[in-house]
Amino acid sequence: MFVSDASTTLTPLLNHPDDAGPDLSPTQCAAILPRLQQIADQRHDGSIEPVLRRHVDDARQLVVVLQFCVEKDVDLLFG
């Protein structure tokens, strides 16, 4: 795994294993949400590659899940 010294509000998500690990709290979800929303909302001029399109769609879906976790005050569960 690549470890970076760069700091971002996405760190709890980026350093999290996909299939296990600690849950993300509503507070962590709220911290991640604005930056992920910015990424998901970026305009992509012209047609984009299918892989990039899939990643953008996944980010948009994750935004919905994070919003739900914040609104309902529940953890985001992994696994």
PDB file of N, CA and C in Angstrom:
ATOM      1  N   MET A   1       0.844  -1.182   0.000  1.00  0.00           N
ATOM      2  CA  MET A   1       0.000   0.000   0.000  1.00  0.00           C
ATOM      3  C   MET A   1       0.887   1.241   0.000  1.00  0.00           C
ATOM      4  N   PHE A   2       0.519   2.216  -0.801  1.00  0.00           N
ATOM      5  CA  PHE A   2       1.222   3.485  -0.892  1.00  0.00           C
ATOM      6  C   PHE A   2       0.738   4.404   0.221  1.00  0.00           C
ATOM      7  N   VAL A   3       1.648   4.974   0.970  1.00  0.00           N
ATOM      8  CA  VAL A   3       1.296   5.902   2.033  1.00  0.00           C
ATOM      9  C   VAL A   3       1.850   7.267   1.668  1.00  0.00           C
ATOM     10  N   SER A   4       1.002   8.269   1.762  1.00  0.00           N
ATOM     11  CA  SER A   4       1.403   9.612   1.389  1.00  0.00           C
ATOM     12  C   SER A   4       1.355  10.521   2.606  1.00  0.00           C
ATOM     13  N   ASP A   5       2.207  11.531   2.589  1.00  0.00           N
ATOM     14  CA  ASP A   5       2.189  12.528   3.653  1.00  0.00           C
ATOM     15  C   ASP A   5       1.183  13.629   3.372  1.00  0.00           C
ATOM     16  N   ALA A   6       0.558  13.597   2.206  1.00  0.00           N
ATOM     17  CA  ALA A   6      -0.426  14.612   1.847  1.00  0.00           C
ATOM     18  C   ALA A   6      -1.641  14.493   2.750  1.00  0.00           C
ATOM     19  N   SER A   7      -2.199  15.627   3.086  1.00  0.00           N
ATOM     20  CA  SER A   7      -3.363  15.658   3.956  1.00  0.00           C
ATOM     21  C   SER A   7      -4.596  16.056   3.147  1.00  0.00           C
ATOM     22  N   THR A   8      -5.681  15.335   3.364  1.00  0.00           N
ATOM     23  CA  THR A   8      -6.923  15.629   2.681  1.00  0.00           C
ATOM     24  C   THR A   8      -8.081  15.190   3.568  1.00  0.00           C
ATOM     25  N   THR A   9      -9.216  15.792   3.379  1.00  0.00           N
ATOM     26  CA  THR A   9     -10.391  15.372   4.153  1.00  0.00           C
ATOM     27  C   THR A   9     -10.836  13.977   3.748  1.00  0.00           C
ATOM     28  N   LEU A  10     -10.333  13.474   2.626  1.00  0.00           N
ATOM     29  CA  LEU A  10     -10.677  12.124   2.163  1.00  0.00           C
ATOM     30  C   LEU A  10      -9.816  11.035   2.802  1.00  0.00           C
ATOM     31  N   THR A  11      -8.843  11.407   3.624  1.00  0.00           N
ATOM     32  CA  THR A  11      -7.906  10.445   4.207  1.00  0.00           C
ATOM     33  C   THR A  11      -8.598   9.266   4.893  1.00  0.00           C
ATOM     34  N   PRO A  12      -9.635   9.484   5.732  1.00  0.00           N
ATOM     35  CA  PRO A  12     -10.257   8.311   6.374  1.00  0.00           C
ATOM     36  C   PRO A  12     -10.824   7.315   5.372  1.00  0.00           C
ATOM     37  N   LEU A  13     -11.256   7.792   4.245  1.00  0.00           N
ATOM     38  CA  LEU A  13     -11.802   6.922   3.205  1.00  0.00           C
ATOM     39  C   LEU A  13     -10.686   6.290   2.372  1.00  0.00           C
ATOM     40  N   LEU A  14      -9.689   7.062   2.013  1.00  0.00           N
ATOM     41  CA  LEU A  14      -8.611   6.572   1.160  1.00  0.00           C
ATOM     42  C   LEU A  14      -7.746   5.528   1.855  1.00  0.00           C
ATOM     43  N   ASN A  15      -7.580   5.645   3.156  1.00  0.00           N
ATOM     44  CA  ASN A  15      -6.745   4.708   3.901  1.00  0.00           C
ATOM     45  C   ASN A  15      -7.549   3.562   4.499  1.00  0.00           C
ATOM     46  N   HIS A  16      -8.773   3.376   4.043  1.00  0.00           N
ATOM     47  CA  HIS A  16      -9.670   2.368   4.611  1.00  0.00           C
ATOM     48  C   HIS A  16      -9.734   1.146   3.704  1.00  0.00           C
ATOM     49  N   PRO A  17      -9.596  -0.067   4.277  1.00  0.00           N
ATOM     50  CA  PRO A  17      -9.750  -1.258   3.426  1.00  0.00           C
ATOM     51  C   PRO A  17     -11.184  -1.366   2.918  1.00  0.00           C
ATOM     52  N   ASP A  18     -11.346  -1.925   1.733  1.00  0.00           N
ATOM     53  CA  ASP A  18     -12.664  -2.016   1.108  1.00  0.00           C
ATOM     54  C   ASP A  18     -13.611  -2.969   1.807  1.00  0.00           C
ATOM     55  N   ASP A  19     -13.085  -4.018   2.396  1.00  0.00           N
ATOM     56  CA  ASP A  19     -13.948  -5.090   2.870  1.00  0.00           C
ATOM     57  C   ASP A  19     -13.996  -5.282   4.376  1.00  0.00           C
ATOM     58  N   ALA A  20     -13.321  -4.465   5.119  1.00  0.00           N
ATOM     59  CA  ALA A  20     -13.316  -4.612   6.577  1.00  0.00           C
ATOM     60  C   ALA A  20     -12.784  -3.331   7.193  1.00  0.00           C
ATOM     61  N   GLY A  21     -12.442  -3.417   8.446  1.00  0.00           N
ATOM     62  CA  GLY A  21     -11.876  -2.255   9.108  1.00  0.00           C
ATOM     63  C   GLY A  21     -12.925  -1.519   9.903  1.00  0.00           C
ATOM     64  N   PRO A  22     -12.500  -0.452  10.547  1.00  0.00           N
ATOM     65  CA  PRO A  22     -13.442   0.291  11.377  1.00  0.00           C
ATOM     66  C   PRO A  22     -14.495   1.015  10.536  1.00  0.00           C
ATOM     67  N   ASP A  23     -15.650   1.170  11.112  1.00  0.00           N
ATOM     68  CA  ASP A  23     -16.711   1.932  10.459  1.00  0.00           C
ATOM     69  C   ASP A  23     -16.331   3.407  10.465  1.00  0.00           C
ATOM     70  N   LEU A  24     -16.946   4.176   9.561  1.00  0.00           N
ATOM     71  CA  LEU A  24     -16.754   5.623   9.574  1.00  0.00           C
ATOM     72  C   LEU A  24     -17.922   6.244  10.322  1.00  0.00           C
ATOM     73  N   SER A  25     -17.612   7.110  11.245  1.00  0.00           N
ATOM     74  CA  SER A  25     -18.643   7.767  12.058  1.00  0.00           C
ATOM     75  C   SER A  25     -19.373   8.818  11.222  1.00  0.00           C
ATOM     76  N   PRO A  26     -20.543   9.249  11.697  1.00  0.00           N
ATOM     77  CA  PRO A  26     -21.235  10.332  10.991  1.00  0.00           C
ATOM     78  C   PRO A  26     -20.377  11.602  10.886  1.00  0.00           C
ATOM     79  N   THR A  27     -19.558  11.856  11.890  1.00  0.00           N
ATOM     80  CA  THR A  27     -18.671  13.020  11.855  1.00  0.00           C
ATOM     81  C   THR A  27     -17.631  12.877  10.755  1.00  0.00           C
ATOM     82  N   GLN A  28     -17.067  11.682  10.617  1.00  0.00           N
ATOM     83  CA  GLN A  28     -16.106  11.446   9.542  1.00  0.00           C
ATOM     84  C   GLN A  28     -16.797  11.540   8.174  1.00  0.00           C
ATOM     85  N   CYS A  29     -18.006  10.998   8.071  1.00  0.00           N
ATOM     86  CA  CYS A  29     -18.764  11.085   6.819  1.00  0.00           C
ATOM     87  C   CYS A  29     -19.009  12.542   6.444  1.00  0.00           C
ATOM     88  N   ALA A  30     -19.370  13.350   7.433  1.00  0.00           N
ATOM     89  CA  ALA A  30     -19.632  14.772   7.190  1.00  0.00           C
ATOM     90  C   ALA A  30     -18.365  15.492   6.727  1.00  0.00           C
ATOM     91  N   ALA A  31     -17.210  15.089   7.255  1.00  0.00           N
ATOM     92  CA  ALA A  31     -15.948  15.718   6.859  1.00  0.00           C
ATOM     93  C   ALA A  31     -15.560  15.339   5.436  1.00  0.00           C
ATOM     94  N   ILE A  32     -15.852  14.110   5.033  1.00  0.00           N
ATOM     95  CA  ILE A  32     -15.511  13.609   3.699  1.00  0.00           C
ATOM     96  C   ILE A  32     -16.449  14.177   2.635  1.00  0.00           C
ATOM     97  N   LEU A  33     -17.693  14.361   2.988  1.00  0.00           N
ATOM     98  CA  LEU A  33     -18.762  14.678   2.043  1.00  0.00           C
ATOM     99  C   LEU A  33     -18.507  15.881   1.133  1.00  0.00           C
ATOM    100  N   PRO A  34     -18.119  17.045   1.637  1.00  0.00           N
ATOM    101  CA  PRO A  34     -17.971  18.205   0.735  1.00  0.00           C
ATOM    102  C   PRO A  34     -16.934  17.991  -0.370  1.00  0.00           C
ATOM    103  N   ARG A  35     -15.783  17.414  -0.019  1.00  0.00           N
ATOM    104  CA  ARG A  35     -14.741  17.218  -1.031  1.00  0.00           C
ATOM    105  C   ARG A  35     -15.153  16.158  -2.045  1.00  0.00           C
ATOM    106  N   LEU A  36     -15.763  15.075  -1.577  1.00  0.00           N
ATOM    107  CA  LEU A  36     -16.213  14.043  -2.504  1.00  0.00           C
ATOM    108  C   LEU A  36     -17.298  14.594  -3.425  1.00  0.00           C
ATOM    109  N   GLN A  37     -18.155  15.450  -2.895  1.00  0.00           N
ATOM    110  CA  GLN A  37     -19.192  16.083  -3.716  1.00  0.00           C
ATOM    111  C   GLN A  37     -18.561  16.946  -4.804  1.00  0.00           C
ATOM    112  N   GLN A  38     -17.514  17.688  -4.446  1.00  0.00           N
ATOM    113  CA  GLN A  38     -16.808  18.513  -5.432  1.00  0.00           C
ATOM    114  C   GLN A  38     -16.233  17.652  -6.551  1.00  0.00           C
ATOM    115  N   ILE A  39     -15.629  16.550  -6.180  1.00  0.00           N
ATOM    116  CA  ILE A  39     -15.036  15.656  -7.169  1.00  0.00           C
ATOM    117  C   ILE A  39     -16.118  15.084  -8.082  1.00  0.00           C
ATOM    118  N   ALA A  40     -17.209  14.632  -7.488  1.00  0.00           N
ATOM    119  CA  ALA A  40     -18.300  14.021  -8.253  1.00  0.00           C
ATOM    120  C   ALA A  40     -18.976  15.035  -9.179  1.00  0.00           C
ATOM    121  N   ASP A  41     -18.994  16.294  -8.781  1.00  0.00           N
ATOM    122  CA  ASP A  41     -19.677  17.325  -9.556  1.00  0.00           C
ATOM    123  C   ASP A  41     -18.801  17.986 -10.620  1.00  0.00           C
ATOM    124  N   GLN A  42     -17.524  17.637 -10.681  1.00  0.00           N
ATOM    125  CA  GLN A  42     -16.642  18.244 -11.675  1.00  0.00           C
ATOM    126  C   GLN A  42     -17.151  17.940 -13.071  1.00  0.00           C
ATOM    127  N   ARG A  43     -17.039  18.926 -13.919  1.00  0.00           N
ATOM    128  CA  ARG A  43     -17.452  18.748 -15.316  1.00  0.00           C
ATOM    129  C   ARG A  43     -16.360  18.014 -16.067  1.00  0.00           C
ATOM    130  N   HIS A  44     -16.768  17.153 -16.935  1.00  0.00           N
ATOM    131  CA  HIS A  44     -15.837  16.417 -17.778  1.00  0.00           C
ATOM    132  C   HIS A  44     -16.176  16.767 -19.221  1.00  0.00           C
ATOM    133  N   ASP A  45     -15.321  17.582 -19.823  1.00  0.00           N
ATOM    134  CA  ASP A  45     -15.565  18.033 -21.193  1.00  0.00           C
ATOM    135  C   ASP A  45     -15.528  16.861 -22.171  1.00  0.00           C
ATOM    136  N   GLY A  46     -16.467  16.861 -23.064  1.00  0.00           N
ATOM    137  CA  GLY A  46     -16.525  15.812 -24.073  1.00  0.00           C
ATOM    138  C   GLY A  46     -16.878  14.472 -23.454  1.00  0.00           C
ATOM    139  N   SER A  47     -16.674  13.457 -24.205  1.00  0.00           N
ATOM    140  CA  SER A  47     -16.955  12.128 -23.676  1.00  0.00           C
ATOM    141  C   SER A  47     -15.775  11.689 -22.818  1.00  0.00           C
ATOM    142  N   ILE A  48     -16.091  10.986 -21.774  1.00  0.00           N
ATOM    143  CA  ILE A  48     -15.034  10.499 -20.898  1.00  0.00           C
ATOM    144  C   ILE A  48     -14.927   8.987 -21.050  1.00  0.00           C
ATOM    145  N   GLU A  49     -13.789   8.485 -20.713  1.00  0.00           N
ATOM    146  CA  GLU A  49     -13.537   7.050 -20.800  1.00  0.00           C
ATOM    147  C   GLU A  49     -14.516   6.298 -19.902  1.00  0.00           C
ATOM    148  N   PRO A  50     -14.909   5.103 -20.301  1.00  0.00           N
ATOM    149  CA  PRO A  50     -15.855   4.321 -19.500  1.00  0.00           C
ATOM    150  C   PRO A  50     -15.389   4.076 -18.065  1.00  0.00           C
ATOM    151  N   VAL A  51     -14.102   3.856 -17.880  1.00  0.00           N
ATOM    152  CA  VAL A  51     -13.594   3.605 -16.524  1.00  0.00           C
ATOM    153  C   VAL A  51     -13.742   4.856 -15.664  1.00  0.00           C
ATOM    154  N   LEU A  52     -13.388   6.013 -16.213  1.00  0.00           N
ATOM    155  CA  LEU A  52     -13.547   7.260 -15.471  1.00  0.00           C
ATOM    156  C   LEU A  52     -15.014   7.529 -15.192  1.00  0.00           C
ATOM    157  N   ARG A  53     -15.873   7.291 -16.157  1.00  0.00           N
ATOM    158  CA  ARG A  53     -17.309   7.487 -15.977  1.00  0.00           C
ATOM    159  C   ARG A  53     -17.807   6.616 -14.821  1.00  0.00           C
ATOM    160  N   ARG A  54     -17.335   5.383 -14.758  1.00  0.00           N
ATOM    161  CA  ARG A  54     -17.736   4.469 -13.680  1.00  0.00           C
ATOM    162  C   ARG A  54     -17.284   5.001 -12.324  1.00  0.00           C
ATOM    163  N   HIS A  55     -16.059   5.506 -12.256  1.00  0.00           N
ATOM    164  CA  HIS A  55     -15.551   6.062 -10.996  1.00  0.00           C
ATOM    165  C   HIS A  55     -16.372   7.271 -10.551  1.00  0.00           C
ATOM    166  N   VAL A  56     -16.717   8.128 -11.489  1.00  0.00           N
ATOM    167  CA  VAL A  56     -17.537   9.307 -11.176  1.00  0.00           C
ATOM    168  C   VAL A  56     -18.915   8.867 -10.689  1.00  0.00           C
ATOM    169  N   ASP A  57     -19.505   7.883 -11.353  1.00  0.00           N
ATOM    170  CA  ASP A  57     -20.805   7.354 -10.914  1.00  0.00           C
ATOM    171  C   ASP A  57     -20.714   6.749  -9.516  1.00  0.00           C
ATOM    172  N   ASP A  58     -19.636   6.020  -9.249  1.00  0.00           N
ATOM    173  CA  ASP A  58     -19.437   5.441  -7.918  1.00  0.00           C
ATOM    174  C   ASP A  58     -19.306   6.532  -6.863  1.00  0.00           C
ATOM    175  N   ALA A  59     -18.578   7.599  -7.197  1.00  0.00           N
ATOM    176  CA  ALA A  59     -18.417   8.709  -6.252  1.00  0.00           C
ATOM    177  C   ALA A  59     -19.764   9.360  -5.959  1.00  0.00           C
ATOM    178  N   ARG A  60     -20.587   9.515  -6.979  1.00  0.00           N
ATOM    179  CA  ARG A  60     -21.913  10.108  -6.780  1.00  0.00           C
ATOM    180  C   ARG A  60     -22.784   9.226  -5.882  1.00  0.00           C
ATOM    181  N   GLN A  61     -22.688   7.921  -6.070  1.00  0.00           N
ATOM    182  CA  GLN A  61     -23.449   7.006  -5.224  1.00  0.00           C
ATOM    183  C   GLN A  61     -22.958   7.063  -3.782  1.00  0.00           C
ATOM    184  N   LEU A  62     -21.646   7.163  -3.601  1.00  0.00           N
ATOM    185  CA  LEU A  62     -21.090   7.260  -2.256  1.00  0.00           C
ATOM    186  C   LEU A  62     -21.522   8.560  -1.586  1.00  0.00           C
ATOM    187  N   VAL A  63     -21.638   9.641  -2.341  1.00  0.00           N
ATOM    188  CA  VAL A  63     -22.126  10.906  -1.792  1.00  0.00           C
ATOM    189  C   VAL A  63     -23.516  10.719  -1.187  1.00  0.00           C
ATOM    190  N   VAL A  64     -24.379   9.998  -1.890  1.00  0.00           N
ATOM    191  CA  VAL A  64     -25.736   9.737  -1.391  1.00  0.00           C
ATOM    192  C   VAL A  64     -25.679   8.957  -0.085  1.00  0.00           C
ATOM    193  N   VAL A  65     -24.821   7.948  -0.028  1.00  0.00           N
ATOM    194  CA  VAL A  65     -24.691   7.135   1.183  1.00  0.00           C
ATOM    195  C   VAL A  65     -24.146   7.978   2.335  1.00  0.00           C
ATOM    196  N   LEU A  66     -23.145   8.790   2.070  1.00  0.00           N
ATOM    197  CA  LEU A  66     -22.583   9.652   3.123  1.00  0.00           C
ATOM    198  C   LEU A  66     -23.630  10.637   3.636  1.00  0.00           C
ATOM    199  N   GLN A  67     -24.411  11.217   2.730  1.00  0.00           N
ATOM    200  CA  GLN A  67     -25.471  12.136   3.152  1.00  0.00           C
ATOM    201  C   GLN A  67     -26.469  11.424   4.060  1.00  0.00           C
ATOM    202  N   PHE A  68     -26.835  10.197   3.715  1.00  0.00           N
ATOM    203  CA  PHE A  68     -27.754   9.415   4.539  1.00  0.00           C
ATOM    204  C   PHE A  68     -27.162   9.193   5.928  1.00  0.00           C
ATOM    205  N   CYS A  69     -25.895   8.800   5.992  1.00  0.00           N
ATOM    206  CA  CYS A  69     -25.243   8.549   7.280  1.00  0.00           C
ATOM    207  C   CYS A  69     -25.234   9.803   8.160  1.00  0.00           C
ATOM    208  N   VAL A  70     -24.969  10.937   7.552  1.00  0.00           N
ATOM    209  CA  VAL A  70     -24.948  12.202   8.300  1.00  0.00           C
ATOM    210  C   VAL A  70     -26.356  12.558   8.770  1.00  0.00           C
ATOM    211  N   GLU A  71     -27.331  12.476   7.864  1.00  0.00           N
ATOM    212  CA  GLU A  71     -28.708  12.853   8.208  1.00  0.00           C
ATOM    213  C   GLU A  71     -29.320  11.949   9.271  1.00  0.00           C
ATOM    214  N   LYS A  72     -29.021  10.661   9.206  1.00  0.00           N
ATOM    215  CA  LYS A  72     -29.597   9.684  10.151  1.00  0.00           C
ATOM    216  C   LYS A  72     -28.716   9.434  11.356  1.00  0.00           C
ATOM    217  N   ASP A  73     -27.536  10.070  11.377  1.00  0.00           N
ATOM    218  CA  ASP A  73     -26.558   9.919  12.465  1.00  0.00           C
ATOM    219  C   ASP A  73     -26.202   8.456  12.690  1.00  0.00           C
ATOM    220  N   VAL A  74     -25.835   7.781  11.592  1.00  0.00           N
ATOM    221  CA  VAL A  74     -25.425   6.378  11.661  1.00  0.00           C
ATOM    222  C   VAL A  74     -24.050   6.218  11.033  1.00  0.00           C
ATOM    223  N   ASP A  75     -23.349   5.175  11.452  1.00  0.00           N
ATOM    224  CA  ASP A  75     -22.020   4.884  10.919  1.00  0.00           C
ATOM    225  C   ASP A  75     -22.116   4.299   9.518  1.00  0.00           C
ATOM    226  N   LEU A  76     -21.079   4.515   8.732  1.00  0.00           N
ATOM    227  CA  LEU A  76     -20.941   3.861   7.434  1.00  0.00           C
ATOM    228  C   LEU A  76     -20.210   2.548   7.695  1.00  0.00           C
ATOM    229  N   LEU A  77     -20.907   1.440   7.430  1.00  0.00           N
ATOM    230  CA  LEU A  77     -20.363   0.115   7.732  1.00  0.00           C
ATOM    231  C   LEU A  77     -19.622  -0.460   6.534  1.00  0.00           C
ATOM    232  N   PHE A  78     -18.549  -1.149   6.789  1.00  0.00           N
ATOM    233  CA  PHE A  78     -17.765  -1.824   5.756  1.00  0.00           C
ATOM    234  C   PHE A  78     -17.777  -3.310   6.051  1.00  0.00           C
ATOM    235  N   GLY A  79     -17.790  -4.101   4.993  1.00  0.00           N
ATOM    236  CA  GLY A  79     -17.629  -5.540   5.187  1.00  0.00           C
ATOM    237  C   GLY A  79     -18.732  -6.378   4.769  1.00  0.00           C
TER     238      GLY A  79
END
